Amino acid sequence: MTPLQILDPVMAVVLLGIVTTLAIVFGFIWAYGKIREPPEIHTDDENGGHAA
């Protein structure tokens, strides 16, 4: 591998694609973790907890 190959525009596009793919994968993992958490329950209602 020659040092000038790193400066090739095709290499920049490939690296951008890899970084984008990893960002999407980690985004899905993060979102899946968020939807697996139980929802937050707020019990400080003004009308005793029951809405009419």
C-alpha atoms as a PDB file:
ATOM      1  CA  MET A   1       0.000   0.000   0.000  1.00  0.00           C
ATOM      2  CA  THR A   2       1.544   3.254  -1.097  1.00  0.00           C
ATOM      3  CA  PRO A   3       1.148   6.342   1.095  1.00  0.00           C
ATOM      4  CA  LEU A   4      -0.505   8.235  -1.770  1.00  0.00           C
ATOM      5  CA  GLN A   5      -3.300   5.684  -1.926  1.00  0.00           C
ATOM      6  CA  ILE A   6      -4.729   7.126   1.301  1.00  0.00           C
ATOM      7  CA  LEU A   7      -5.217  10.450  -0.496  1.00  0.00           C
ATOM      8  CA  ASP A   8      -7.217   8.819  -3.285  1.00  0.00           C
ATOM      9  CA  PRO A   9     -10.784  10.256  -3.474  1.00  0.00           C
ATOM     10  CA  VAL A  10     -12.190   6.740  -3.781  1.00  0.00           C
ATOM     11  CA  MET A  11     -10.660   5.868  -0.410  1.00  0.00           C
ATOM     12  CA  ALA A  12     -12.392   8.893   1.142  1.00  0.00           C
ATOM     13  CA  VAL A  13     -15.744   7.732  -0.234  1.00  0.00           C
ATOM     14  CA  VAL A  14     -15.156   4.198   1.065  1.00  0.00           C
ATOM     15  CA  LEU A  15     -14.247   5.485   4.524  1.00  0.00           C
ATOM     16  CA  LEU A  16     -17.304   7.758   4.538  1.00  0.00           C
ATOM     17  CA  GLY A  17     -19.488   4.778   3.643  1.00  0.00           C
ATOM     18  CA  ILE A  18     -17.984   2.659   6.416  1.00  0.00           C
ATOM     19  CA  VAL A  19     -18.416   5.411   9.012  1.00  0.00           C
ATOM     20  CA  THR A  20     -22.001   6.037   7.878  1.00  0.00           C
ATOM     21  CA  THR A  21     -22.826   2.328   8.049  1.00  0.00           C
ATOM     22  CA  LEU A  22     -21.390   2.045  11.554  1.00  0.00           C
ATOM     23  CA  ALA A  23     -23.323   5.142  12.663  1.00  0.00           C
ATOM     24  CA  ILE A  24     -26.584   3.661  11.360  1.00  0.00           C
ATOM     25  CA  VAL A  25     -25.930   0.299  13.038  1.00  0.00           C
ATOM     26  CA  PHE A  26     -25.102   1.901  16.380  1.00  0.00           C
ATOM     27  CA  GLY A  27     -28.153   4.166  15.999  1.00  0.00           C
ATOM     28  CA  PHE A  28     -30.407   1.141  15.617  1.00  0.00           C
ATOM     29  CA  ILE A  29     -28.780  -0.533  18.626  1.00  0.00           C
ATOM     30  CA  TRP A  30     -29.287   2.633  20.702  1.00  0.00           C
ATOM     31  CA  ALA A  31     -32.921   2.977  19.578  1.00  0.00           C
ATOM     32  CA  TYR A  32     -33.616  -0.696  20.345  1.00  0.00           C
ATOM     33  CA  GLY A  33     -32.189  -0.176  23.820  1.00  0.00           C
ATOM     34  CA  LYS A  34     -34.428   2.849  24.323  1.00  0.00           C
ATOM     35  CA  ILE A  35     -37.625   1.030  23.332  1.00  0.00           C
ATOM     36  CA  ARG A  36     -36.735  -1.913  25.582  1.00  0.00           C
ATOM     37  CA  GLU A  37     -36.708   0.373  28.659  1.00  0.00           C
ATOM     38  CA  PRO A  38     -39.983   0.551  30.595  1.00  0.00           C
ATOM     39  CA  PRO A  39     -41.830   3.844  30.151  1.00  0.00           C
ATOM     40  CA  GLU A  40     -41.522   6.485  32.824  1.00  0.00           C
ATOM     41  CA  ILE A  41     -44.592   6.679  35.059  1.00  0.00           C
ATOM     42  CA  HIS A  42     -45.589  10.122  36.319  1.00  0.00           C
ATOM     43  CA  THR A  43     -47.807   9.983  39.402  1.00  0.00           C
ATOM     44  CA  ASP A  44     -47.847  13.679  40.289  1.00  0.00           C
ATOM     45  CA  ASP A  45     -51.205  14.496  38.649  1.00  0.00           C
ATOM     46  CA  GLU A  46     -53.264  17.400  39.968  1.00  0.00           C
ATOM     47  CA  ASN A  47     -56.589  15.524  40.051  1.00  0.00           C
ATOM     48  CA  GLY A  48     -55.626  12.469  42.069  1.00  0.00           C
ATOM     49  CA  GLY A  49     -54.173  10.437  39.225  1.00  0.00           C
ATOM     50  CA  HIS A  50     -57.347   9.805  37.207  1.00  0.00           C
ATOM     51  CA  ALA A  51     -58.196  11.835  34.136  1.00  0.00           C
ATOM     52  CA  ALA A  52     -61.875  12.301  33.326  1.00  0.00           C
END
